């Protein structure tokens, strides 16, 4: 049985960081589309990023040679994307 999908909310900081990483909003939407679909249905498939489990992290596809991680939280109604960061190896 499929679980009901949560809504996805993007903080303004997340959207600013994503645009800076990807370059334009159309590519940004494409870059996060799979993560939105996955996390709306299975938000606990990421990795807890805080000791209390309030913030989670999902590794994303790299951008160039940089690793990318999406940070989010969730409840029974919504998944909130808080930030997205790229890291050099």
N, C-alpha and C. Protein backbone atom coordinates (compact mmCIF):
# COMPACT_ATOMS: atom_id res chain seq x y z
N UNK A 1 0.84 -1.18 0.00
CA UNK A 1 0.00 0.00 0.00
C UNK A 1 0.89 1.25 0.00
N UNK A 2 0.60 2.17 -0.91
CA UNK A 2 1.34 3.43 -0.96
C UNK A 2 0.89 4.35 0.16
N UNK A 3 1.87 5.00 0.79
CA UNK A 3 1.56 5.99 1.80
C UNK A 3 1.19 7.30 1.12
N UNK A 4 0.34 8.10 1.75
CA UNK A 4 0.01 9.39 1.14
C UNK A 4 1.25 10.27 1.05
N UNK A 5 1.31 11.03 0.00
CA UNK A 5 2.45 11.90 -0.24
C UNK A 5 2.36 13.16 0.61
N UNK A 6 3.51 13.61 1.12
CA UNK A 6 3.60 14.87 1.85
C UNK A 6 3.81 16.01 0.85
N UNK A 7 3.48 17.20 1.27
CA UNK A 7 3.82 18.35 0.44
C UNK A 7 5.29 18.68 0.66
N UNK A 8 5.90 19.33 -0.31
CA UNK A 8 7.29 19.75 -0.20
C UNK A 8 7.32 21.27 -0.13
N UNK A 9 7.96 21.78 0.91
CA UNK A 9 8.10 23.22 1.14
C UNK A 9 9.58 23.55 1.03
N UNK A 10 9.90 24.61 0.30
CA UNK A 10 11.30 25.02 0.13
C UNK A 10 11.52 26.36 0.81
N UNK A 11 12.39 26.38 1.83
CA UNK A 11 12.77 27.64 2.47
C UNK A 11 13.43 28.56 1.45
N UNK A 12 13.31 29.85 1.66
CA UNK A 12 13.93 30.81 0.74
C UNK A 12 15.45 30.65 0.71
N UNK A 13 16.06 30.32 1.84
CA UNK A 13 17.51 30.09 1.87
C UNK A 13 17.88 28.91 0.98
N UNK A 14 17.09 27.84 1.03
CA UNK A 14 17.32 26.69 0.17
C UNK A 14 17.26 27.10 -1.30
N UNK A 15 16.23 27.85 -1.68
CA UNK A 15 16.07 28.25 -3.08
C UNK A 15 17.22 29.13 -3.54
N UNK A 16 17.69 30.02 -2.68
CA UNK A 16 18.83 30.87 -3.03
C UNK A 16 20.09 30.04 -3.22
N UNK A 17 20.33 29.09 -2.31
CA UNK A 17 21.52 28.23 -2.42
C UNK A 17 21.45 27.37 -3.67
N UNK A 18 20.28 26.81 -3.95
CA UNK A 18 20.11 25.96 -5.13
C UNK A 18 20.35 26.74 -6.41
N UNK A 19 19.79 27.91 -6.50
CA UNK A 19 19.99 28.75 -7.69
C UNK A 19 21.47 29.09 -7.87
N UNK A 20 22.16 29.39 -6.78
CA UNK A 20 23.60 29.69 -6.86
C UNK A 20 24.40 28.48 -7.34
N UNK A 21 23.98 27.28 -6.94
CA UNK A 21 24.70 26.06 -7.34
C UNK A 21 24.44 25.68 -8.79
N UNK A 22 23.18 25.79 -9.22
CA UNK A 22 22.79 25.25 -10.52
C UNK A 22 22.80 26.31 -11.62
N UNK A 23 22.47 27.53 -11.31
CA UNK A 23 22.57 28.59 -12.31
C UNK A 23 21.26 29.15 -12.82
N UNK A 24 20.21 28.32 -12.97
CA UNK A 24 18.91 28.85 -13.37
C UNK A 24 17.80 27.99 -12.78
N UNK A 25 16.62 28.58 -12.65
CA UNK A 25 15.52 27.91 -11.93
C UNK A 25 15.02 26.65 -12.65
N UNK A 26 15.02 26.64 -13.97
CA UNK A 26 14.56 25.44 -14.69
C UNK A 26 15.47 24.26 -14.38
N UNK A 27 16.78 24.46 -14.44
CA UNK A 27 17.72 23.39 -14.09
C UNK A 27 17.63 23.04 -12.61
N UNK A 28 17.39 24.04 -11.79
CA UNK A 28 17.26 23.81 -10.34
C UNK A 28 16.07 22.90 -10.06
N UNK A 29 14.94 23.18 -10.70
CA UNK A 29 13.75 22.33 -10.52
C UNK A 29 14.02 20.90 -10.97
N UNK A 30 14.69 20.76 -12.11
CA UNK A 30 15.04 19.42 -12.61
C UNK A 30 15.98 18.70 -11.64
N UNK A 31 16.94 19.45 -11.07
CA UNK A 31 17.94 18.86 -10.18
C UNK A 31 17.30 18.27 -8.93
N UNK A 32 16.26 18.91 -8.42
CA UNK A 32 15.64 18.44 -7.16
C UNK A 32 14.37 17.62 -7.36
N UNK A 33 13.91 17.43 -8.59
CA UNK A 33 12.63 16.74 -8.84
C UNK A 33 12.60 15.34 -8.25
N UNK A 34 13.63 14.56 -8.45
CA UNK A 34 13.65 13.18 -7.93
C UNK A 34 13.67 13.18 -6.40
N UNK A 35 14.43 14.09 -5.80
CA UNK A 35 14.48 14.17 -4.33
C UNK A 35 13.11 14.55 -3.78
N UNK A 36 12.42 15.46 -4.44
CA UNK A 36 11.07 15.85 -3.99
C UNK A 36 10.13 14.65 -4.02
N UNK A 37 10.14 13.92 -5.11
CA UNK A 37 9.25 12.76 -5.25
C UNK A 37 9.58 11.70 -4.20
N UNK A 38 10.85 11.39 -4.03
CA UNK A 38 11.27 10.38 -3.07
C UNK A 38 10.94 10.78 -1.63
N UNK A 39 11.34 11.98 -1.24
CA UNK A 39 11.17 12.41 0.15
C UNK A 39 9.71 12.67 0.52
N UNK A 40 8.89 13.02 -0.45
CA UNK A 40 7.46 13.20 -0.17
C UNK A 40 6.83 11.89 0.26
N UNK A 41 7.35 10.78 -0.23
CA UNK A 41 6.79 9.46 0.09
C UNK A 41 7.58 8.73 1.19
N UNK A 42 8.90 8.89 1.18
CA UNK A 42 9.76 8.17 2.13
C UNK A 42 10.80 9.11 2.74
N UNK A 43 10.38 10.03 3.58
CA UNK A 43 11.33 11.03 4.09
C UNK A 43 12.43 10.45 4.98
N UNK A 44 12.21 9.28 5.53
CA UNK A 44 13.23 8.69 6.39
C UNK A 44 14.26 7.88 5.61
N UNK A 45 14.29 8.02 4.29
CA UNK A 45 15.31 7.31 3.50
C UNK A 45 16.63 8.07 3.51
N UNK A 46 16.64 9.29 4.02
CA UNK A 46 17.89 10.05 4.15
C UNK A 46 18.66 9.60 5.38
N UNK A 47 19.58 10.42 5.78
CA UNK A 47 20.46 10.13 6.92
C UNK A 47 20.22 11.21 7.99
N UNK A 48 19.96 10.81 9.24
CA UNK A 48 19.81 11.84 10.28
C UNK A 48 21.07 12.71 10.35
N UNK A 49 20.89 14.02 10.33
CA UNK A 49 22.02 14.95 10.35
C UNK A 49 22.16 15.67 11.68
N UNK A 50 21.18 15.49 12.56
CA UNK A 50 21.25 16.09 13.88
C UNK A 50 21.04 15.00 14.92
N UNK A 51 21.59 15.21 16.09
CA UNK A 51 21.48 14.19 17.14
C UNK A 51 20.03 13.89 17.52
N UNK A 52 19.19 14.92 17.48
CA UNK A 52 17.80 14.71 17.87
C UNK A 52 16.91 14.22 16.73
N UNK A 53 17.47 14.07 15.52
CA UNK A 53 16.71 13.57 14.39
C UNK A 53 15.77 14.58 13.77
N UNK A 54 15.92 15.84 14.12
CA UNK A 54 15.03 16.86 13.57
C UNK A 54 15.46 17.32 12.17
N UNK A 55 16.73 17.14 11.84
CA UNK A 55 17.23 17.50 10.52
C UNK A 55 17.84 16.26 9.89
N UNK A 56 17.52 16.07 8.62
CA UNK A 56 18.02 14.92 7.86
C UNK A 56 18.81 15.42 6.67
N UNK A 57 19.64 14.52 6.09
CA UNK A 57 20.47 14.86 4.95
C UNK A 57 20.27 13.80 3.87
N UNK A 58 20.20 14.27 2.62
CA UNK A 58 20.11 13.37 1.48
C UNK A 58 21.24 13.71 0.52
N UNK A 59 22.15 12.76 0.26
CA UNK A 59 23.18 13.00 -0.76
C UNK A 59 22.52 13.16 -2.13
N UNK A 60 23.01 14.11 -2.90
CA UNK A 60 22.48 14.39 -4.23
C UNK A 60 23.54 14.07 -5.28
N UNK A 61 23.16 14.18 -6.54
CA UNK A 61 24.13 14.03 -7.62
C UNK A 61 25.17 15.13 -7.51
N UNK A 62 26.42 14.79 -7.80
CA UNK A 62 27.45 15.83 -7.74
C UNK A 62 27.22 16.91 -8.79
N UNK A 63 27.74 18.09 -8.52
CA UNK A 63 27.77 19.16 -9.50
C UNK A 63 29.24 19.41 -9.79
N UNK A 64 29.64 19.05 -10.97
CA UNK A 64 31.06 19.08 -11.31
C UNK A 64 31.79 18.09 -10.42
N UNK A 65 32.81 18.55 -9.74
CA UNK A 65 33.57 17.67 -8.83
C UNK A 65 33.13 17.85 -7.38
N UNK A 66 32.05 18.58 -7.16
CA UNK A 66 31.61 18.89 -5.80
C UNK A 66 30.48 17.95 -5.36
N UNK A 67 30.62 17.41 -4.14
CA UNK A 67 29.54 16.62 -3.54
C UNK A 67 28.45 17.57 -3.08
N UNK A 68 27.20 17.13 -3.22
CA UNK A 68 26.06 17.98 -2.86
C UNK A 68 25.19 17.24 -1.86
N UNK A 69 24.76 17.94 -0.81
CA UNK A 69 23.87 17.38 0.21
C UNK A 69 22.69 18.31 0.43
N UNK A 70 21.51 17.72 0.51
CA UNK A 70 20.27 18.44 0.78
C UNK A 70 19.88 18.21 2.23
N UNK A 71 19.58 19.26 2.97
CA UNK A 71 19.20 19.16 4.38
C UNK A 71 17.71 19.51 4.51
N UNK A 72 16.99 18.65 5.24
CA UNK A 72 15.55 18.81 5.31
C UNK A 72 15.01 18.30 6.65
N UNK A 73 13.75 18.62 6.91
CA UNK A 73 13.02 18.08 8.05
C UNK A 73 11.66 17.63 7.54
N UNK A 74 10.95 16.86 8.37
CA UNK A 74 9.64 16.39 7.92
C UNK A 74 8.74 16.06 9.10
N UNK A 75 7.46 16.06 8.81
CA UNK A 75 6.45 15.56 9.73
C UNK A 75 5.43 14.79 8.89
N UNK A 76 4.27 14.50 9.43
CA UNK A 76 3.31 13.67 8.71
C UNK A 76 2.64 14.40 7.55
N UNK A 77 2.81 15.71 7.47
CA UNK A 77 2.14 16.51 6.43
C UNK A 77 3.10 17.06 5.38
N UNK A 78 4.32 17.44 5.80
CA UNK A 78 5.22 18.16 4.90
C UNK A 78 6.67 17.75 5.08
N UNK A 79 7.42 17.92 3.99
CA UNK A 79 8.88 17.84 4.00
C UNK A 79 9.36 19.25 3.70
N UNK A 80 10.24 19.77 4.53
CA UNK A 80 10.75 21.12 4.33
C UNK A 80 12.23 21.05 3.96
N UNK A 81 12.56 21.59 2.78
CA UNK A 81 13.95 21.68 2.35
C UNK A 81 14.54 22.95 2.95
N UNK A 82 15.57 22.79 3.80
CA UNK A 82 16.16 23.92 4.50
C UNK A 82 17.38 24.48 3.78
N UNK A 83 18.27 23.60 3.34
CA UNK A 83 19.48 24.09 2.66
C UNK A 83 20.03 23.01 1.75
N UNK A 84 20.87 23.44 0.83
CA UNK A 84 21.59 22.53 -0.06
C UNK A 84 23.00 23.07 -0.18
N UNK A 85 23.96 22.19 0.05
CA UNK A 85 25.35 22.63 0.11
C UNK A 85 26.23 21.74 -0.76
N UNK A 86 27.23 22.37 -1.36
CA UNK A 86 28.21 21.64 -2.16
C UNK A 86 29.54 21.67 -1.43
N UNK A 87 30.25 20.55 -1.48
CA UNK A 87 31.51 20.39 -0.77
C UNK A 87 32.58 19.91 -1.75
N UNK A 88 33.76 20.48 -1.64
CA UNK A 88 34.89 20.01 -2.42
C UNK A 88 35.47 18.76 -1.77
N UNK A 89 35.91 17.83 -2.59
CA UNK A 89 36.57 16.62 -2.05
C UNK A 89 37.97 16.92 -1.62
